[in-house]
PDB file of N, CA and C in Angstrom:
ATOM      1  N   UNK A   1      -0.845  -6.261  22.018  1.00  0.00           N
ATOM      2  CA  UNK A   1      -0.665  -5.709  20.661  1.00  0.00           C
ATOM      3  C   UNK A   1       0.698  -6.035  20.220  1.00  0.00           C
ATOM      4  N   UNK A   2       0.997  -6.621  18.807  1.00  0.00           N
ATOM      5  CA  UNK A   2       1.914  -7.055  18.271  1.00  0.00           C
ATOM      6  C   UNK A   2       2.426  -5.693  17.461  1.00  0.00           C
ATOM      7  N   UNK A   3       3.789  -5.848  17.233  1.00  0.00           N
ATOM      8  CA  UNK A   3       4.443  -4.600  16.199  1.00  0.00           C
ATOM      9  C   UNK A   3       4.937  -5.418  15.448  1.00  0.00           C
ATOM     10  N   UNK A   4       5.224  -5.145  14.046  1.00  0.00           N
ATOM     11  CA  UNK A   4       5.749  -5.546  12.936  1.00  0.00           C
ATOM     12  C   UNK A   4       6.547  -4.340  12.444  1.00  0.00           C
ATOM     13  N   UNK A   5       8.034  -4.457  12.253  1.00  0.00           N
ATOM     14  CA  UNK A   5       8.850  -3.508  12.025  1.00  0.00           C
ATOM     15  C   UNK A   5       9.036  -3.624  10.262  1.00  0.00           C
ATOM     16  N   UNK A   6       8.864  -2.485   9.759  1.00  0.00           N
ATOM     17  CA  UNK A   6       9.139  -2.769   8.124  1.00  0.00           C
ATOM     18  C   UNK A   6      10.457  -2.669   8.003  1.00  0.00           C
ATOM     19  N   UNK A   7      10.856  -3.761   6.978  1.00  0.00           N
ATOM     20  CA  UNK A   7      12.082  -3.822   6.279  1.00  0.00           C
ATOM     21  C   UNK A   7      12.162  -2.671   5.102  1.00  0.00           C
ATOM     22  N   UNK A   8      11.317  -2.488   4.196  1.00  0.00           N
ATOM     23  CA  UNK A   8      11.138  -1.985   3.036  1.00  0.00           C
ATOM     24  C   UNK A   8       9.992  -0.799   3.409  1.00  0.00           C
ATOM     25  N   UNK A   9       9.453  -0.245   2.430  1.00  0.00           N
ATOM     26  CA  UNK A   9       8.619   0.952   2.472  1.00  0.00           C
ATOM     27  C   UNK A   9       7.044   0.215   2.776  1.00  0.00           C
ATOM     28  N   UNK A  10       6.747  -0.803   2.445  1.00  0.00           N
ATOM     29  CA  UNK A  10       5.592  -1.602   2.955  1.00  0.00           C
ATOM     30  C   UNK A  10       5.850  -2.982   3.277  1.00  0.00           C
ATOM     31  N   UNK A  11       4.262  -3.686   3.716  1.00  0.00           N
ATOM     32  CA  UNK A  11       4.271  -5.087   3.886  1.00  0.00           C
ATOM     33  C   UNK A  11       2.870  -5.407   3.317  1.00  0.00           C
ATOM     34  N   UNK A  12       2.807  -6.266   2.550  1.00  0.00           N
ATOM     35  CA  UNK A  12       1.603  -6.686   1.916  1.00  0.00           C
ATOM     36  C   UNK A  12       0.575  -7.307   3.419  1.00  0.00           C
ATOM     37  N   UNK A  13      -0.508  -7.263   3.072  1.00  0.00           N
ATOM     38  CA  UNK A  13      -1.580  -7.629   4.457  1.00  0.00           C
ATOM     39  C   UNK A  13      -1.178  -9.333   4.576  1.00  0.00           C
ATOM     40  N   UNK A  14      -1.270 -10.014   3.716  1.00  0.00           N
ATOM     41  CA  UNK A  14      -1.225 -11.486   3.900  1.00  0.00           C
ATOM     42  C   UNK A  14       0.058 -11.694   4.202  1.00  0.00           C
ATOM     43  N   UNK A  15       1.288 -11.121   4.078  1.00  0.00           N
ATOM     44  CA  UNK A  15       2.523 -11.368   4.594  1.00  0.00           C
ATOM     45  C   UNK A  15       2.425 -10.843   6.219  1.00  0.00           C
ATOM     46  N   UNK A  16       1.950  -9.914   6.315  1.00  0.00           N
ATOM     47  CA  UNK A  16       1.782  -9.068   7.915  1.00  0.00           C
ATOM     48  C   UNK A  16       1.158 -10.388   8.817  1.00  0.00           C
ATOM     49  N   UNK A  17       0.076 -10.936   7.947  1.00  0.00           N
ATOM     50  CA  UNK A  17      -0.766 -12.005   9.025  1.00  0.00           C
ATOM     51  C   UNK A  17      -0.075 -13.176   9.025  1.00  0.00           C
ATOM     52  N   UNK A  18       0.902 -13.841   8.081  1.00  0.00           N
ATOM     53  CA  UNK A  18       2.095 -14.767   8.274  1.00  0.00           C
ATOM     54  C   UNK A  18       2.968 -14.315   9.394  1.00  0.00           C
ATOM     55  N   UNK A  19       3.493 -13.155   9.330  1.00  0.00           N
ATOM     56  CA  UNK A  19       4.617 -12.910   9.910  1.00  0.00           C
ATOM     57  C   UNK A  19       4.560 -12.997  11.340  1.00  0.00           C
ATOM     58  N   UNK A  20       2.818 -12.444  11.749  1.00  0.00           N
ATOM     59  CA  UNK A  20       2.510 -12.339  13.189  1.00  0.00           C
ATOM     60  C   UNK A  20       2.297 -13.508  13.772  1.00  0.00           C
ATOM     61  N   UNK A  21       1.896 -14.838  12.742  1.00  0.00           N
ATOM     62  CA  UNK A  21       1.477 -15.980  13.254  1.00  0.00           C
ATOM     63  C   UNK A  21      -0.077 -15.985  13.578  1.00  0.00           C
ATOM     64  N   UNK A  22      -0.738 -15.345  12.686  1.00  0.00           N
ATOM     65  CA  UNK A  22      -2.032 -15.270  12.640  1.00  0.00           C
ATOM     66  C   UNK A  22      -2.940 -16.392  11.783  1.00  0.00           C
ATOM     67  N   UNK A  23      -1.880 -16.264  10.645  1.00  0.00           N
ATOM     68  CA  UNK A  23      -2.111 -17.286   9.373  1.00  0.00           C
ATOM     69  C   UNK A  23      -0.917 -18.237   9.351  1.00  0.00           C
ATOM     70  N   UNK A  24      -1.238 -19.446   9.030  1.00  0.00           N
ATOM     71  CA  UNK A  24      -0.073 -20.403   9.066  1.00  0.00           C
ATOM     72  C   UNK A  24       0.470 -20.463   7.723  1.00  0.00           C
ATOM     73  N   UNK A  25      -0.397 -20.055   6.890  1.00  0.00           N
ATOM     74  CA  UNK A  25       0.064 -20.131   5.300  1.00  0.00           C
ATOM     75  C   UNK A  25      -0.765 -19.031   4.504  1.00  0.00           C
ATOM     76  N   UNK A  26       0.044 -18.711   3.429  1.00  0.00           N
ATOM     77  CA  UNK A  26      -0.820 -17.686   2.551  1.00  0.00           C
ATOM     78  C   UNK A  26      -2.206 -17.664   1.989  1.00  0.00           C
ATOM     79  N   UNK A  27      -2.294 -19.671   1.894  1.00  0.00           N
ATOM     80  CA  UNK A  27      -3.606 -19.636   1.567  1.00  0.00           C
ATOM     81  C   UNK A  27      -4.558 -19.728   2.733  1.00  0.00           C
ATOM     82  N   UNK A  28      -4.371 -19.567   4.014  1.00  0.00           N
ATOM     83  CA  UNK A  28      -4.943 -19.256   5.167  1.00  0.00           C
ATOM     84  C   UNK A  28      -5.174 -17.839   5.279  1.00  0.00           C
ATOM     85  N   UNK A  29      -4.366 -17.173   4.899  1.00  0.00           N
ATOM     86  CA  UNK A  29      -4.247 -15.551   5.264  1.00  0.00           C
ATOM     87  C   UNK A  29      -5.200 -14.961   3.778  1.00  0.00           C
ATOM     88  N   UNK A  30      -5.233 -15.614   2.677  1.00  0.00           N
ATOM     89  CA  UNK A  30      -6.148 -15.414   1.689  1.00  0.00           C
ATOM     90  C   UNK A  30      -7.709 -15.492   1.921  1.00  0.00           C
ATOM     91  N   UNK A  31      -8.009 -16.675   2.453  1.00  0.00           N
ATOM     92  CA  UNK A  31      -9.349 -16.905   2.660  1.00  0.00           C
ATOM     93  C   UNK A  31      -9.751 -16.156   4.246  1.00  0.00           C
ATOM     94  N   UNK A  32      -8.862 -15.813   5.122  1.00  0.00           N
ATOM     95  CA  UNK A  32      -9.341 -14.839   6.322  1.00  0.00           C
ATOM     96  C   UNK A  32      -9.672 -13.571   5.644  1.00  0.00           C
ATOM     97  N   UNK A  33      -8.684 -13.022   4.699  1.00  0.00           N
ATOM     98  CA  UNK A  33      -9.099 -11.687   4.089  1.00  0.00           C
ATOM     99  C   UNK A  33     -10.566 -11.908   3.128  1.00  0.00           C
ATOM    100  N   UNK A  34     -10.521 -12.792   2.175  1.00  0.00           N
ATOM    101  CA  UNK A  34     -11.527 -12.599   1.470  1.00  0.00           C
ATOM    102  C   UNK A  34     -12.924 -12.964   2.199  1.00  0.00           C
ATOM    103  N   UNK A  35     -12.842 -13.557   3.375  1.00  0.00           N
ATOM    104  CA  UNK A  35     -14.273 -13.715   4.170  1.00  0.00           C
ATOM    105  C   UNK A  35     -14.542 -12.551   4.741  1.00  0.00           C
ATOM    106  N   UNK A  36     -13.681 -11.481   4.789  1.00  0.00           N
ATOM    107  CA  UNK A  36     -13.743  -9.964   5.455  1.00  0.00           C
ATOM    108  C   UNK A  36     -13.581 -10.237   7.051  1.00  0.00           C
ATOM    109  N   UNK A  37     -12.595 -11.243   7.207  1.00  0.00           N
ATOM    110  CA  UNK A  37     -12.453 -11.334   8.900  1.00  0.00           C
ATOM    111  C   UNK A  37     -11.505 -10.289   9.124  1.00  0.00           C
ATOM    112  N   UNK A  38     -10.699  -9.482   8.301  1.00  0.00           N
ATOM    113  CA  UNK A  38      -9.614  -8.783   8.682  1.00  0.00           C
ATOM    114  C   UNK A  38     -10.222  -7.658   8.461  1.00  0.00           C
ATOM    115  N   UNK A  39      -9.545  -6.492   9.456  1.00  0.00           N
ATOM    116  CA  UNK A  39      -9.629  -4.856   9.356  1.00  0.00           C
ATOM    117  C   UNK A  39      -8.231  -4.379   9.277  1.00  0.00           C
ATOM    118  N   UNK A  40      -8.463  -3.248   8.417  1.00  0.00           N
ATOM    119  CA  UNK A  40      -6.826  -2.420   8.460  1.00  0.00           C
ATOM    120  C   UNK A  40      -7.666  -0.774   9.072  1.00  0.00           C
ATOM    121  N   UNK A  41      -6.945  -0.531   9.818  1.00  0.00           N
ATOM    122  CA  UNK A  41      -7.566   0.539  10.427  1.00  0.00           C
ATOM    123  C   UNK A  41      -8.956   0.977  10.182  1.00  0.00           C
ATOM    124  N   UNK A  42      -9.663  -0.110  11.177  1.00  0.00           N
ATOM    125  CA  UNK A  42     -11.003  -0.258  11.646  1.00  0.00           C
ATOM    126  C   UNK A  42     -12.028  -0.678  10.333  1.00  0.00           C
ATOM    127  N   UNK A  43     -11.287  -0.633   9.094  1.00  0.00           N
ATOM    128  CA  UNK A  43     -12.466  -1.020   7.848  1.00  0.00           C
ATOM    129  C   UNK A  43     -12.117  -2.423   7.550  1.00  0.00           C
ATOM    130  N   UNK A  44     -12.901  -3.246   7.157  1.00  0.00           N
ATOM    131  CA  UNK A  44     -12.894  -4.545   6.673  1.00  0.00           C
ATOM    132  C   UNK A  44     -12.098  -4.202   5.565  1.00  0.00           C
ATOM    133  N   UNK A  45     -10.883  -5.306   5.418  1.00  0.00           N
ATOM    134  CA  UNK A  45      -9.848  -5.388   3.790  1.00  0.00           C
ATOM    135  C   UNK A  45     -10.029  -6.563   3.338  1.00  0.00           C
ATOM    136  N   UNK A  46     -10.521  -6.437   2.155  1.00  0.00           N
ATOM    137  CA  UNK A  46     -10.694  -7.720   1.340  1.00  0.00           C
ATOM    138  C   UNK A  46      -9.509  -7.960   0.092  1.00  0.00           C
ATOM    139  N   UNK A  47      -8.456  -6.946   0.366  1.00  0.00           N
ATOM    140  CA  UNK A  47      -7.351  -7.417  -0.840  1.00  0.00           C
ATOM    141  C   UNK A  47      -6.224  -7.857  -0.176  1.00  0.00           C
ATOM    142  N   UNK A  48      -5.827  -9.186  -0.643  1.00  0.00           N
ATOM    143  CA  UNK A  48      -4.517  -9.597   0.279  1.00  0.00           C
ATOM    144  C   UNK A  48      -3.385  -8.734  -0.059  1.00  0.00           C
ATOM    145  N   UNK A  49      -3.372  -8.442  -1.261  1.00  0.00           N
ATOM    146  CA  UNK A  49      -2.061  -7.568  -1.712  1.00  0.00           C
ATOM    147  C   UNK A  49      -2.254  -6.031  -1.127  1.00  0.00           C
ATOM    148  N   UNK A  50      -3.193  -5.931  -0.291  1.00  0.00           N
ATOM    149  CA  UNK A  50      -3.101  -4.255   0.306  1.00  0.00           C
ATOM    150  C   UNK A  50      -1.648  -4.186   1.269  1.00  0.00           C
ATOM    151  N   UNK A  51      -1.195  -3.013   0.688  1.00  0.00           N
ATOM    152  CA  UNK A  51      -0.025  -2.509   1.211  1.00  0.00           C
ATOM    153  C   UNK A  51      -0.065  -1.866   2.515  1.00  0.00           C
ATOM    154  N   UNK A  52       0.621  -2.094   3.632  1.00  0.00           N
ATOM    155  CA  UNK A  52       0.431  -1.562   4.784  1.00  0.00           C
ATOM    156  C   UNK A  52       1.825  -1.060   5.134  1.00  0.00           C
ATOM    157  N   UNK A  53       1.829   0.402   5.497  1.00  0.00           N
ATOM    158  CA  UNK A  53       2.690   1.330   5.746  1.00  0.00           C
ATOM    159  C   UNK A  53       2.759   1.812   7.208  1.00  0.00           C
ATOM    160  N   UNK A  54       3.725   2.483   7.788  1.00  0.00           N
ATOM    161  CA  UNK A  54       3.935   2.390   9.060  1.00  0.00           C
ATOM    162  C   UNK A  54       2.890   3.142   9.659  1.00  0.00           C
ATOM    163  N   UNK A  55       2.179   2.822  10.786  1.00  0.00           N
ATOM    164  CA  UNK A  55       1.414   3.588  11.370  1.00  0.00           C
ATOM    165  C   UNK A  55      -0.063   2.648  11.226  1.00  0.00           C
ATOM    166  N   UNK A  56      -0.150   2.144  10.228  1.00  0.00           N
ATOM    167  CA  UNK A  56      -1.420   0.970  10.170  1.00  0.00           C
ATOM    168  C   UNK A  56      -1.652   0.142  11.309  1.00  0.00           C
ATOM    169  N   UNK A  57      -3.084  -0.243  11.427  1.00  0.00           N
ATOM    170  CA  UNK A  57      -2.970  -1.178  12.322  1.00  0.00           C
ATOM    171  C   UNK A  57      -4.224  -2.226  11.798  1.00  0.00           C
ATOM    172  N   UNK A  58      -4.061  -3.490  11.998  1.00  0.00           N
ATOM    173  CA  UNK A  58      -4.467  -4.638  11.603  1.00  0.00           C
ATOM    174  C   UNK A  58      -5.139  -5.335  12.805  1.00  0.00           C
ATOM    175  N   UNK A  59      -6.329  -5.724  12.586  1.00  0.00           N
ATOM    176  CA  UNK A  59      -7.329  -6.742  13.505  1.00  0.00           C
ATOM    177  C   UNK A  59      -7.456  -7.777  12.955  1.00  0.00           C
ATOM    178  N   UNK A  60      -7.624  -9.090  13.685  1.00  0.00           N
ATOM    179  CA  UNK A  60      -8.230 -10.280  13.218  1.00  0.00           C
ATOM    180  C   UNK A  60      -8.297 -10.918  14.677  1.00  0.00           C
ATOM    181  N   UNK A  61      -9.669 -11.634  14.948  1.00  0.00           N
ATOM    182  CA  UNK A  61      -9.844 -12.284  15.750  1.00  0.00           C
ATOM    183  C   UNK A  61      -9.688 -11.824  17.281  1.00  0.00           C
ATOM    184  N   UNK A  62      -9.510 -10.761  17.572  1.00  0.00           N
ATOM    185  CA  UNK A  62      -9.254 -10.258  18.532  1.00  0.00           C
ATOM    186  C   UNK A  62      -7.682  -9.656  19.033  1.00  0.00           C
ATOM    187  N   UNK A  63      -7.067 -10.009  17.991  1.00  0.00           N
ATOM    188  CA  UNK A  63      -5.409  -9.570  17.743  1.00  0.00           C
ATOM    189  C   UNK A  63      -5.296  -8.477  16.922  1.00  0.00           C
ATOM    190  N   UNK A  64      -4.431  -7.715  17.736  1.00  0.00           N
ATOM    191  CA  UNK A  64      -3.889  -6.441  16.914  1.00  0.00           C
ATOM    192  C   UNK A  64      -2.596  -6.113  16.615  1.00  0.00           C
ATOM    193  N   UNK A  65      -2.432  -5.700  15.136  1.00  0.00           N
ATOM    194  CA  UNK A  65      -0.882  -5.660  14.911  1.00  0.00           C
ATOM    195  C   UNK A  65      -0.883  -4.199  14.377  1.00  0.00           C
ATOM    196  N   UNK A  66       0.452  -3.668  14.789  1.00  0.00           N
ATOM    197  CA  UNK A  66       0.386  -2.419  14.438  1.00  0.00           C
ATOM    198  C   UNK A  66       2.037  -2.463  13.666  1.00  0.00           C
ATOM    199  N   UNK A  67       1.987  -1.495  12.391  1.00  0.00           N
ATOM    200  CA  UNK A  67       3.019  -1.529  11.532  1.00  0.00           C
ATOM    201  C   UNK A  67       4.018  -0.396  12.046  1.00  0.00           C
ATOM    202  N   UNK A  68       4.972  -0.634  12.178  1.00  0.00           N
ATOM    203  CA  UNK A  68       6.038   0.685  12.433  1.00  0.00           C
ATOM    204  C   UNK A  68       7.237   0.644  11.725  1.00  0.00           C
ATOM    205  N   UNK A  69       7.894   1.784  11.658  1.00  0.00           N
ATOM    206  CA  UNK A  69       9.288   1.683  10.755  1.00  0.00           C
ATOM    207  C   UNK A  69      10.493   1.004  11.442  1.00  0.00           C
TER     208      UNK A  69
END
């Protein structure tokens, strides 16, 4: 499980995927999310701009990202 520390109050889902190295670009992140391949807190998320806050957990292709303060 990878941990991303917040610099602000939140990070957008697409940015988190790029920061964790799961998406090479914003376009890749967009398609991964639109195709329903990404889960946030156990539920499929289709909004690339979804705001993630401390405690949220993102899952994609067997990888897990935890958002922390």
